[in-house]
Amino acid sequence: FNTRYHKHNVPRLLHDLGFSIQRPRKRLARADAEKQATWLRKTFP
């Protein structure tokens, strides 16, 4: 569109268009899901 928006105004524009800001969750690519579940159920508590 040959027009510039300041980086602080892009989120406002997106909100006005009906979009929301989404941030991805960080996950380990090679993590063992079973060990994670055990850690959450037993070790962490």
All heavy atoms as atom14 arrays in JSON, in Angstrom:
{
  "sequence": "FNTRYHKHNVPRLLHDLGFSIQRPRKRLARADAEKQATWLRKTFP",
  "atom14_mask": [
    [1, 1, 1, 1, 1, 1, 1, 1, 1, 1, 1, 0, 0, 0],
    [1, 1, 1, 1, 1, 1, 1, 1, 0, 0, 0, 0, 0, 0],
    [1, 1, 1, 1, 1, 1, 1, 0, 0, 0, 0, 0, 0, 0],
    [1, 1, 1, 1, 1, 1, 1, 1, 1, 1, 1, 0, 0, 0],
    [1, 1, 1, 1, 1, 1, 1, 1, 1, 1, 1, 1, 0, 0],
    [1, 1, 1, 1, 1, 1, 1, 1, 1, 1, 0, 0, 0, 0],
    [1, 1, 1, 1, 1, 1, 1, 1, 1, 0, 0, 0, 0, 0],
    [1, 1, 1, 1, 1, 1, 1, 1, 1, 1, 0, 0, 0, 0],
    [1, 1, 1, 1, 1, 1, 1, 1, 0, 0, 0, 0, 0, 0],
    [1, 1, 1, 1, 1, 1, 1, 0, 0, 0, 0, 0, 0, 0],
    [1, 1, 1, 1, 1, 1, 1, 0, 0, 0, 0, 0, 0, 0],
    [1, 1, 1, 1, 1, 1, 1, 1, 1, 1, 1, 0, 0, 0],
    [1, 1, 1, 1, 1, 1, 1, 1, 0, 0, 0, 0, 0, 0],
    [1, 1, 1, 1, 1, 1, 1, 1, 0, 0, 0, 0, 0, 0],
    [1, 1, 1, 1, 1, 1, 1, 1, 1, 1, 0, 0, 0, 0],
    [1, 1, 1, 1, 1, 1, 1, 1, 0, 0, 0, 0, 0, 0],
    [1, 1, 1, 1, 1, 1, 1, 1, 0, 0, 0, 0, 0, 0],
    [1, 1, 1, 1, 0, 0, 0, 0, 0, 0, 0, 0, 0, 0],
    [1, 1, 1, 1, 1, 1, 1, 1, 1, 1, 1, 0, 0, 0],
    [1, 1, 1, 1, 1, 1, 0, 0, 0, 0, 0, 0, 0, 0],
    [1, 1, 1, 1, 1, 1, 1, 1, 0, 0, 0, 0, 0, 0],
    [1, 1, 1, 1, 1, 1, 1, 1, 1, 0, 0, 0, 0, 0],
    [1, 1, 1, 1, 1, 1, 1, 1, 1, 1, 1, 0, 0, 0],
    [1, 1, 1, 1, 1, 1, 1, 0, 0, 0, 0, 0, 0, 0],
    [1, 1, 1, 1, 1, 1, 1, 1, 1, 1, 1, 0, 0, 0],
    [1, 1, 1, 1, 1, 1, 1, 1, 1, 0, 0, 0, 0, 0],
    [1, 1, 1, 1, 1, 1, 1, 1, 1, 1, 1, 0, 0, 0],
    [1, 1, 1, 1, 1, 1, 1, 1, 0, 0, 0, 0, 0, 0],
    [1, 1, 1, 1, 1, 0, 0, 0, 0, 0, 0, 0, 0, 0],
    [1, 1, 1, 1, 1, 1, 1, 1, 1, 1, 1, 0, 0, 0],
    [1, 1, 1, 1, 1, 0, 0, 0, 0, 0, 0, 0, 0, 0],
    [1, 1, 1, 1, 1, 1, 1, 1, 0, 0, 0, 0, 0, 0],
    [1, 1, 1, 1, 1, 0, 0, 0, 0, 0, 0, 0, 0, 0],
    [1, 1, 1, 1, 1, 1, 1, 1, 1, 0, 0, 0, 0, 0],
    [1, 1, 1, 1, 1, 1, 1, 1, 1, 0, 0, 0, 0, 0],
    [1, 1, 1, 1, 1, 1, 1, 1, 1, 0, 0, 0, 0, 0],
    [1, 1, 1, 1, 1, 0, 0, 0, 0, 0, 0, 0, 0, 0],
    [1, 1, 1, 1, 1, 1, 1, 0, 0, 0, 0, 0, 0, 0],
    [1, 1, 1, 1, 1, 1, 1, 1, 1, 1, 1, 1, 1, 1],
    [1, 1, 1, 1, 1, 1, 1, 1, 0, 0, 0, 0, 0, 0],
    [1, 1, 1, 1, 1, 1, 1, 1, 1, 1, 1, 0, 0, 0],
    [1, 1, 1, 1, 1, 1, 1, 1, 1, 0, 0, 0, 0, 0],
    [1, 1, 1, 1, 1, 1, 1, 0, 0, 0, 0, 0, 0, 0],
    [1, 1, 1, 1, 1, 1, 1, 1, 1, 1, 1, 0, 0, 0],
    [1, 1, 1, 1, 1, 1, 1, 0, 0, 0, 0, 0, 0, 0]
  ],
  "atom14_positions": [
    [[0.8, -1.23, 0.0], [0.0, 0.0, 0.0], [0.84, 1.28, 0.0], [0.3, 2.37, 0.08], [-0.95, 0.0, 1.2], [-1.82, -1.22, 1.26], [-1.58, -2.2, 2.2], [-2.86, -1.4, 0.36], [-2.37, -3.34, 2.25], [-3.65, -2.52, 0.4], [-3.41, -3.5, 1.35], [0.0, 0.0, 0.0], [0.0, 0.0, 0.0], [0.0, 0.0, 0.0]],
    [[2.15, 1.12, -0.04], [3.08, 2.25, -0.1], [2.86, 3.25, 1.05], [2.86, 4.46, 0.85], [2.97, 2.97, -1.46], [4.2, 3.78, -1.76], [5.29, 3.47, -1.28], [4.04, 4.83, -2.54], [0.0, 0.0, 0.0], [0.0, 0.0, 0.0], [0.0, 0.0, 0.0], [0.0, 0.0, 0.0], [0.0, 0.0, 0.0], [0.0, 0.0, 0.0]],
    [[2.62, 2.71, 2.24], [2.48, 3.54, 3.43], [3.13, 2.83, 4.6], [3.19, 1.6, 4.63], [1.0, 3.87, 3.72], [0.94, 4.82, 4.77], [0.22, 2.64, 4.1], [0.0, 0.0, 0.0], [0.0, 0.0, 0.0], [0.0, 0.0, 0.0], [0.0, 0.0, 0.0], [0.0, 0.0, 0.0], [0.0, 0.0, 0.0], [0.0, 0.0, 0.0]],
    [[3.65, 3.61, 5.53], [4.38, 3.03, 6.66], [3.58, 3.18, 7.94], [2.98, 4.21, 8.18], [5.72, 3.73, 6.83], [6.65, 3.48, 5.65], [7.97, 4.11, 5.89], [8.59, 3.43, 7.03], [9.88, 3.33, 7.22], [10.7, 3.87, 6.38], [10.36, 2.71, 8.25], [0.0, 0.0, 0.0], [0.0, 0.0, 0.0], [0.0, 0.0, 0.0]],
    [[3.6, 2.14, 8.74], [3.03, 2.16, 10.09], [4.16, 1.98, 11.08], [5.03, 1.13, 10.88], [2.03, 1.01, 10.27], [0.61, 1.37, 9.91], [0.2, 1.44, 8.59], [-0.31, 1.65, 10.91], [-1.1, 1.77, 8.26], [-1.62, 1.99, 10.59], [-2.0, 2.04, 9.27], [-3.29, 2.37, 8.95], [0.0, 0.0, 0.0], [0.0, 0.0, 0.0]],
    [[4.15, 2.76, 12.14], [5.13, 2.59, 13.2], [4.88, 1.24, 13.86], [3.74, 0.77, 13.94], [4.99, 3.73, 14.23], [6.09, 3.73, 15.25], [6.04, 2.98, 16.39], [7.27, 4.39, 15.28], [7.14, 3.17, 17.1], [7.9, 4.03, 16.45], [0.0, 0.0, 0.0], [0.0, 0.0, 0.0], [0.0, 0.0, 0.0], [0.0, 0.0, 0.0]],
    [[5.95, 0.61, 14.35], [5.83, -0.74, 14.9], [4.86, -0.8, 16.08], [4.28, -1.84, 16.35], [7.19, -1.28, 15.32], [7.85, -0.5, 16.44], [9.21, -1.08, 16.77], [9.88, -0.29, 17.87], [11.2, -0.84, 18.18], [0.0, 0.0, 0.0], [0.0, 0.0, 0.0], [0.0, 0.0, 0.0], [0.0, 0.0, 0.0], [0.0, 0.0, 0.0]],
    [[4.65, 0.31, 16.78], [3.7, 0.31, 17.9], [2.25, 0.4, 17.42], [1.33, 0.1, 18.18], [3.99, 1.46, 18.85], [5.3, 1.31, 19.57], [6.07, 2.38, 19.91], [5.97, 0.22, 19.99], [7.17, 1.96, 20.51], [7.13, 0.64, 20.56], [0.0, 0.0, 0.0], [0.0, 0.0, 0.0], [0.0, 0.0, 0.0], [0.0, 0.0, 0.0]],
    [[2.04, 0.83, 16.17], [0.68, 0.97, 15.66], [0.19, -0.26, 14.91], [-1.01, -0.39, 14.68], [0.59, 2.21, 14.76], [0.78, 3.48, 15.56], [0.43, 3.54, 16.74], [1.33, 4.49, 14.93], [0.0, 0.0, 0.0], [0.0, 0.0, 0.0], [0.0, 0.0, 0.0], [0.0, 0.0, 0.0], [0.0, 0.0, 0.0], [0.0, 0.0, 0.0]],
    [[1.08, -1.16, 14.55], [0.66, -2.38, 13.83], [-0.26, -3.23, 14.71], [-1.31, -3.67, 14.22], [1.89, -3.17, 13.32], [1.47, -4.54, 12.8], [2.61, -2.39, 12.23], [0.0, 0.0, 0.0], [0.0, 0.0, 0.0], [0.0, 0.0, 0.0], [0.0, 0.0, 0.0], [0.0, 0.0, 0.0], [0.0, 0.0, 0.0], [0.0, 0.0, 0.0]],
    [[0.05, -3.47, 15.99], [-0.89, -4.26, 16.81], [-2.27, -3.62, 16.92], [-3.28, -4.31, 16.9], [-0.2, -4.34, 18.17], [1.24, -4.15, 17.89], [1.29, -3.21, 16.73], [0.0, 0.0, 0.0], [0.0, 0.0, 0.0], [0.0, 0.0, 0.0], [0.0, 0.0, 0.0], [0.0, 0.0, 0.0], [0.0, 0.0, 0.0], [0.0, 0.0, 0.0]],
    [[-2.32, -2.29, 17.01], [-3.61, -1.6, 17.08], [-4.39, -1.8, 15.79], [-5.6, -2.05, 15.81], [-3.37, -0.11, 17.36], [-4.65, 0.66, 17.59], [-4.39, 2.12, 17.93], [-3.46, 2.22, 19.04], [-2.46, 3.08, 19.09], [-2.25, 3.93, 18.11], [-1.66, 3.12, 20.13], [0.0, 0.0, 0.0], [0.0, 0.0, 0.0], [0.0, 0.0, 0.0]],
    [[-3.7, -1.7, 14.66], [-4.35, -1.91, 13.37], [-4.89, -3.34, 13.29], [-6.03, -3.56, 12.86], [-3.37, -1.65, 12.23], [-3.84, -1.97, 10.82], [-5.04, -1.12, 10.44], [-2.71, -1.79, 9.82], [0.0, 0.0, 0.0], [0.0, 0.0, 0.0], [0.0, 0.0, 0.0], [0.0, 0.0, 0.0], [0.0, 0.0, 0.0], [0.0, 0.0, 0.0]],
    [[-4.08, -4.31, 13.71], [-4.53, -5.71, 13.68], [-5.75, -5.91, 14.56], [-6.69, -6.61, 14.19], [-3.39, -6.63, 14.13], [-2.21, -6.74, 13.18], [-1.09, -7.54, 13.81], [-2.65, -7.34, 11.87], [0.0, 0.0, 0.0], [0.0, 0.0, 0.0], [0.0, 0.0, 0.0], [0.0, 0.0, 0.0], [0.0, 0.0, 0.0], [0.0, 0.0, 0.0]],
    [[-5.75, -5.29, 15.72], [-6.91, -5.39, 16.62], [-8.15, -4.8, 15.96], [-9.23, -5.39, 16.01], [-6.62, -4.67, 17.94], [-7.77, -4.66, 18.88], [-8.13, -5.78, 19.61], [-8.65, -3.68, 19.19], [-9.19, -5.48, 20.32], [-9.53, -4.22, 20.09], [0.0, 0.0, 0.0], [0.0, 0.0, 0.0], [0.0, 0.0, 0.0], [0.0, 0.0, 0.0]],
    [[-8.0, -3.64, 15.3], [-9.12, -3.01, 14.61], [-9.65, -3.9, 13.48], [-10.83, -3.84, 13.15], [-8.71, -1.65, 14.03], [-8.47, -0.61, 15.11], [-8.87, -0.85, 16.28], [-7.85, 0.44, 14.8], [0.0, 0.0, 0.0], [0.0, 0.0, 0.0], [0.0, 0.0, 0.0], [0.0, 0.0, 0.0], [0.0, 0.0, 0.0], [0.0, 0.0, 0.0]],
    [[-8.77, -4.71, 12.89], [-9.18, -5.61, 11.81], [-9.77, -6.92, 12.34], [-10.18, -7.78, 11.56], [-7.99, -5.92, 10.9], [-7.45, -4.74, 10.08], [-6.2, -5.14, 9.33], [-8.5, -4.21, 9.13], [0.0, 0.0, 0.0], [0.0, 0.0, 0.0], [0.0, 0.0, 0.0], [0.0, 0.0, 0.0], [0.0, 0.0, 0.0], [0.0, 0.0, 0.0]],
    [[-9.74, -7.1, 13.66], [-10.33, -8.3, 14.25], [-9.32, -9.41, 14.54], [-9.71, -10.52, 14.88], [0.0, 0.0, 0.0], [0.0, 0.0, 0.0], [0.0, 0.0, 0.0], [0.0, 0.0, 0.0], [0.0, 0.0, 0.0], [0.0, 0.0, 0.0], [0.0, 0.0, 0.0], [0.0, 0.0, 0.0], [0.0, 0.0, 0.0], [0.0, 0.0, 0.0]],
    [[-8.04, -9.12, 14.41], [-7.01, -10.11, 14.7], [-6.52, -9.93, 16.13], [-6.62, -8.85, 16.7], [-5.82, -9.97, 13.73], [-6.16, -10.3, 12.31], [-6.44, -9.29, 11.4], [-6.2, -11.61, 11.89], [-6.75, -9.58, 10.09], [-6.51, -11.92, 10.58], [-6.79, -10.91, 9.68], [0.0, 0.0, 0.0], [0.0, 0.0, 0.0], [0.0, 0.0, 0.0]],
    [[-5.99, -11.0, 16.69], [-5.4, -10.9, 18.02], [-3.95, -11.38, 17.94], [-3.59, -12.19, 17.1], [-6.17, -11.75, 19.03], [-6.13, -13.11, 18.68], [0.0, 0.0, 0.0], [0.0, 0.0, 0.0], [0.0, 0.0, 0.0], [0.0, 0.0, 0.0], [0.0, 0.0, 0.0], [0.0, 0.0, 0.0], [0.0, 0.0, 0.0], [0.0, 0.0, 0.0]],
    [[-3.15, -10.85, 18.84], [-1.74, -11.22, 18.88], [-1.62, -12.61, 19.53], [-2.17, -12.84, 20.6], [-0.93, -10.19, 19.7], [-1.12, -8.79, 19.13], [0.54, -10.57, 19.76], [-0.63, -8.6, 17.72], [0.0, 0.0, 0.0], [0.0, 0.0, 0.0], [0.0, 0.0, 0.0], [0.0, 0.0, 0.0], [0.0, 0.0, 0.0], [0.0, 0.0, 0.0]],
    [[-0.93, -13.49, 18.88], [-0.72, -14.84, 19.39], [0.77, -15.06, 19.56], [1.55, -14.67, 18.69], [-1.27, -15.89, 18.42], [-2.72, -15.7, 18.05], [-3.63, -16.05, 19.19], [-3.44, -17.05, 19.87], [-4.64, -15.21, 19.42], [0.0, 0.0, 0.0], [0.0, 0.0, 0.0], [0.0, 0.0, 0.0], [0.0, 0.0, 0.0], [0.0, 0.0, 0.0]],
    [[1.13, -15.65, 20.66], [2.55, -15.96, 20.89], [2.69, -17.47, 21.04], [1.99, -18.08, 21.86], [3.05, -15.24, 22.14], [3.13, -13.75, 21.9], [3.75, -13.02, 23.05], [3.97, -11.64, 22.71], [3.05, -10.69, 22.73], [1.82, -11.01, 23.05], [3.35, -9.45, 22.42], [0.0, 0.0, 0.0], [0.0, 0.0, 0.0], [0.0, 0.0, 0.0]],
    [[3.58, -18.08, 20.27], [3.71, -19.54, 20.34], [4.32, -19.98, 21.66], [5.12, -19.27, 22.27], [4.65, -19.86, 19.17], [5.39, -18.61, 18.91], [4.48, -17.48, 19.31], [0.0, 0.0, 0.0], [0.0, 0.0, 0.0], [0.0, 0.0, 0.0], [0.0, 0.0, 0.0], [0.0, 0.0, 0.0], [0.0, 0.0, 0.0], [0.0, 0.0, 0.0]],
    [[3.9, -21.15, 22.12], [4.5, -21.75, 23.31], [5.84, -22.37, 22.92], [5.99, -22.92, 21.84], [3.62, -22.86, 23.86], [2.37, -22.37, 24.49], [1.55, -23.57, 24.87], [1.02, -23.39, 26.19], [0.52, -24.36, 26.91], [0.49, -25.59, 26.44], [0.03, -24.12, 28.1], [0.0, 0.0, 0.0], [0.0, 0.0, 0.0], [0.0, 0.0, 0.0]],
    [[6.76, -22.3, 23.83], [8.06, -22.91, 23.57], [8.0, -24.36, 24.03], [7.58, -24.66, 25.15], [9.15, -22.15, 24.3], [9.33, -20.76, 23.76], [10.41, -20.01, 24.47], [10.53, -18.61, 23.89], [11.46, -17.79, 24.61], [0.0, 0.0, 0.0], [0.0, 0.0, 0.0], [0.0, 0.0, 0.0], [0.0, 0.0, 0.0], [0.0, 0.0, 0.0]],
    [[8.4, -25.27, 23.14], [8.44, -26.69, 23.45], [9.76, -27.27, 22.97], [10.3, -26.82, 21.96], [7.31, -27.45, 22.73], [5.96, -27.17, 23.24], [4.92, -28.06, 22.6], [5.41, -28.76, 21.4], [4.67, -29.58, 20.7], [3.44, -29.82, 21.02], [5.16, -30.18, 19.65], [0.0, 0.0, 0.0], [0.0, 0.0, 0.0], [0.0, 0.0, 0.0]],
    [[10.22, -28.25, 23.67], [11.42, -28.95, 23.22], [11.02, -29.93, 22.12], [10.1, -30.73, 22.3], [12.07, -29.69, 24.38], [12.58, -28.79, 25.52], [13.08, -29.65, 26.68], [13.69, -27.89, 25.02], [0.0, 0.0, 0.0], [0.0, 0.0, 0.0], [0.0, 0.0, 0.0], [0.0, 0.0, 0.0], [0.0, 0.0, 0.0], [0.0, 0.0, 0.0]],
    [[11.71, -29.89, 21.02], [11.34, -30.71, 19.87], [11.5, -32.2, 20.14], [10.7, -33.01, 19.69], [12.18, -30.31, 18.66], [0.0, 0.0, 0.0], [0.0, 0.0, 0.0], [0.0, 0.0, 0.0], [0.0, 0.0, 0.0], [0.0, 0.0, 0.0], [0.0, 0.0, 0.0], [0.0, 0.0, 0.0], [0.0, 0.0, 0.0], [0.0, 0.0, 0.0]],
    [[12.53, -32.57, 20.91], [12.79, -33.99, 21.14], [12.45, -34.41, 22.56], [12.99, -35.38, 23.08], [14.26, -34.29, 20.86], [14.57, -34.2, 19.37], [16.0, -34.5, 19.09], [16.65, -33.19, 18.9], [17.93, -33.0, 18.91], [18.74, -33.98, 19.12], [18.44, -31.8, 18.72], [0.0, 0.0, 0.0], [0.0, 0.0, 0.0], [0.0, 0.0, 0.0]],
    [[11.55, -33.7, 23.2], [11.19, -34.02, 24.59], [10.35, -35.29, 24.63], [9.55, -35.56, 23.73], [10.41, -32.87, 25.2], [0.0, 0.0, 0.0], [0.0, 0.0, 0.0], [0.0, 0.0, 0.0], [0.0, 0.0, 0.0], [0.0, 0.0, 0.0], [0.0, 0.0, 0.0], [0.0, 0.0, 0.0], [0.0, 0.0, 0.0], [0.0, 0.0, 0.0]],
    [[10.54, -36.06, 25.69], [9.78, -37.29, 25.9], [8.49, -36.93, 26.64], [8.52, -36.55, 27.82], [10.62, -38.27, 26.72], [9.95, -39.62, 26.89], [8.72, -39.71, 26.71], [10.66, -40.59, 27.21], [0.0, 0.0, 0.0], [0.0, 0.0, 0.0], [0.0, 0.0, 0.0], [0.0, 0.0, 0.0], [0.0, 0.0, 0.0], [0.0, 0.0, 0.0]],
    [[7.36, -37.04, 25.97], [6.07, -36.65, 26.54], [5.75, -37.46, 27.8], [5.18, -36.94, 28.76], [4.96, -36.81, 25.51], [0.0, 0.0, 0.0], [0.0, 0.0, 0.0], [0.0, 0.0, 0.0], [0.0, 0.0, 0.0], [0.0, 0.0, 0.0], [0.0, 0.0, 0.0], [0.0, 0.0, 0.0], [0.0, 0.0, 0.0], [0.0, 0.0, 0.0]],
    [[6.11, -38.74, 27.82], [5.82, -39.6, 28.97], [6.63, -39.15, 30.19], [6.1, -39.07, 31.3], [6.14, -41.06, 28.63], [5.59, -42.05, 29.63], [5.8, -43.48, 29.15], [5.43, -43.78, 28.0], [6.34, -44.26, 29.95], [0.0, 0.0, 0.0], [0.0, 0.0, 0.0], [0.0, 0.0, 0.0], [0.0, 0.0, 0.0], [0.0, 0.0, 0.0]],
    [[7.9, -38.83, 30.01], [8.72, -38.35, 31.11], [8.24, -36.98, 31.61], [8.26, -36.71, 32.81], [10.18, -38.25, 30.68], [10.86, -39.6, 30.56], [12.31, -39.44, 30.19], [12.99, -40.8, 30.04], [14.4, -40.67, 29.64], [0.0, 0.0, 0.0], [0.0, 0.0, 0.0], [0.0, 0.0, 0.0], [0.0, 0.0, 0.0], [0.0, 0.0, 0.0]],
    [[7.78, -36.15, 30.7], [7.23, -34.86, 31.11], [5.99, -35.04, 31.97], [5.81, -34.36, 32.98], [6.89, -33.99, 29.9], [8.09, -33.43, 29.19], [7.69, -32.59, 27.99], [6.62, -32.76, 27.42], [8.58, -31.67, 27.6], [0.0, 0.0, 0.0], [0.0, 0.0, 0.0], [0.0, 0.0, 0.0], [0.0, 0.0, 0.0], [0.0, 0.0, 0.0]],
    [[5.11, -35.94, 31.56], [3.89, -36.2, 32.33], [4.22, -36.73, 33.72], [3.62, -36.33, 34.71], [2.99, -37.18, 31.57], [0.0, 0.0, 0.0], [0.0, 0.0, 0.0], [0.0, 0.0, 0.0], [0.0, 0.0, 0.0], [0.0, 0.0, 0.0], [0.0, 0.0, 0.0], [0.0, 0.0, 0.0], [0.0, 0.0, 0.0], [0.0, 0.0, 0.0]],
    [[5.21, -37.63, 33.81], [5.63, -38.16, 35.11], [6.19, -37.05, 35.98], [5.89, -36.96, 37.17], [6.7, -39.26, 34.91], [6.15, -40.29, 34.1], [7.16, -39.83, 36.23], [0.0, 0.0, 0.0], [0.0, 0.0, 0.0], [0.0, 0.0, 0.0], [0.0, 0.0, 0.0], [0.0, 0.0, 0.0], [0.0, 0.0, 0.0], [0.0, 0.0, 0.0]],
    [[6.99, -36.19, 35.37], [7.57, -35.08, 36.13], [6.47, -34.17, 36.67], [6.51, -33.77, 37.82], [8.52, -34.28, 35.25], [9.33, -33.27, 36.01], [10.52, -33.46, 36.61], [8.97, -31.9, 36.26], [10.94, -32.32, 37.24], [10.0, -31.33, 37.03], [7.89, -31.11, 35.91], [9.99, -30.02, 37.45], [7.87, -29.79, 36.33], [8.93, -29.26, 37.1]],
    [[5.46, -33.88, 35.84], [4.37, -33.01, 36.28], [3.52, -33.66, 37.37], [3.06, -32.99, 38.3], [3.47, -32.64, 35.1], [3.97, -31.52, 34.21], [3.08, -31.35, 33.0], [4.05, -30.21, 34.99], [0.0, 0.0, 0.0], [0.0, 0.0, 0.0], [0.0, 0.0, 0.0], [0.0, 0.0, 0.0], [0.0, 0.0, 0.0], [0.0, 0.0, 0.0]],
    [[3.3, -34.99, 37.28], [2.45, -35.69, 38.26], [3.17, -35.96, 39.56], [2.56, -35.89, 40.63], [1.96, -37.01, 37.67], [0.73, -36.92, 36.82], [0.1, -38.28, 36.54], [1.02, -39.38, 36.37], [1.57, -39.74, 35.2], [1.28, -39.07, 34.11], [2.4, -40.76, 35.14], [0.0, 0.0, 0.0], [0.0, 0.0, 0.0], [0.0, 0.0, 0.0]],
    [[4.45, -36.27, 39.52], [5.14, -36.74, 40.72], [6.23, -35.79, 41.2], [6.22, -35.35, 42.34], [5.74, -38.13, 40.47], [4.69, -39.18, 40.22], [5.31, -40.52, 39.98], [4.23, -41.57, 39.72], [4.79, -42.86, 39.44], [0.0, 0.0, 0.0], [0.0, 0.0, 0.0], [0.0, 0.0, 0.0], [0.0, 0.0, 0.0], [0.0, 0.0, 0.0]],
    [[7.19, -35.49, 40.36], [8.35, -34.72, 40.79], [7.98, -33.29, 41.17], [8.35, -32.81, 42.23], [9.43, -34.71, 39.69], [9.66, -36.06, 39.26], [10.71, -34.1, 40.19], [0.0, 0.0, 0.0], [0.0, 0.0, 0.0], [0.0, 0.0, 0.0], [0.0, 0.0, 0.0], [0.0, 0.0, 0.0], [0.0, 0.0, 0.0], [0.0, 0.0, 0.0]],
    [[7.26, -32.61, 40.31], [6.93, -31.22, 40.57], [6.1, -31.05, 41.85], [6.43, -30.19, 42.67], [6.21, -30.6, 39.37], [5.82, -29.17, 39.58], [6.8, -28.19, 39.71], [4.5, -28.79, 39.65], [6.45, -26.87, 39.9], [4.14, -27.48, 39.86], [5.11, -26.51, 39.98], [0.0, 0.0, 0.0], [0.0, 0.0, 0.0], [0.0, 0.0, 0.0]],
    [[5.05, -31.85, 42.06], [4.31, -31.69, 43.31], [5.18, -31.95, 44.55], [5.01, -31.29, 45.58], [3.19, -32.72, 43.21], [2.99, -32.92, 41.75], [4.36, -32.77, 41.15], [0.0, 0.0, 0.0], [0.0, 0.0, 0.0], [0.0, 0.0, 0.0], [0.0, 0.0, 0.0], [0.0, 0.0, 0.0], [0.0, 0.0, 0.0], [0.0, 0.0, 0.0]]
  ]
}
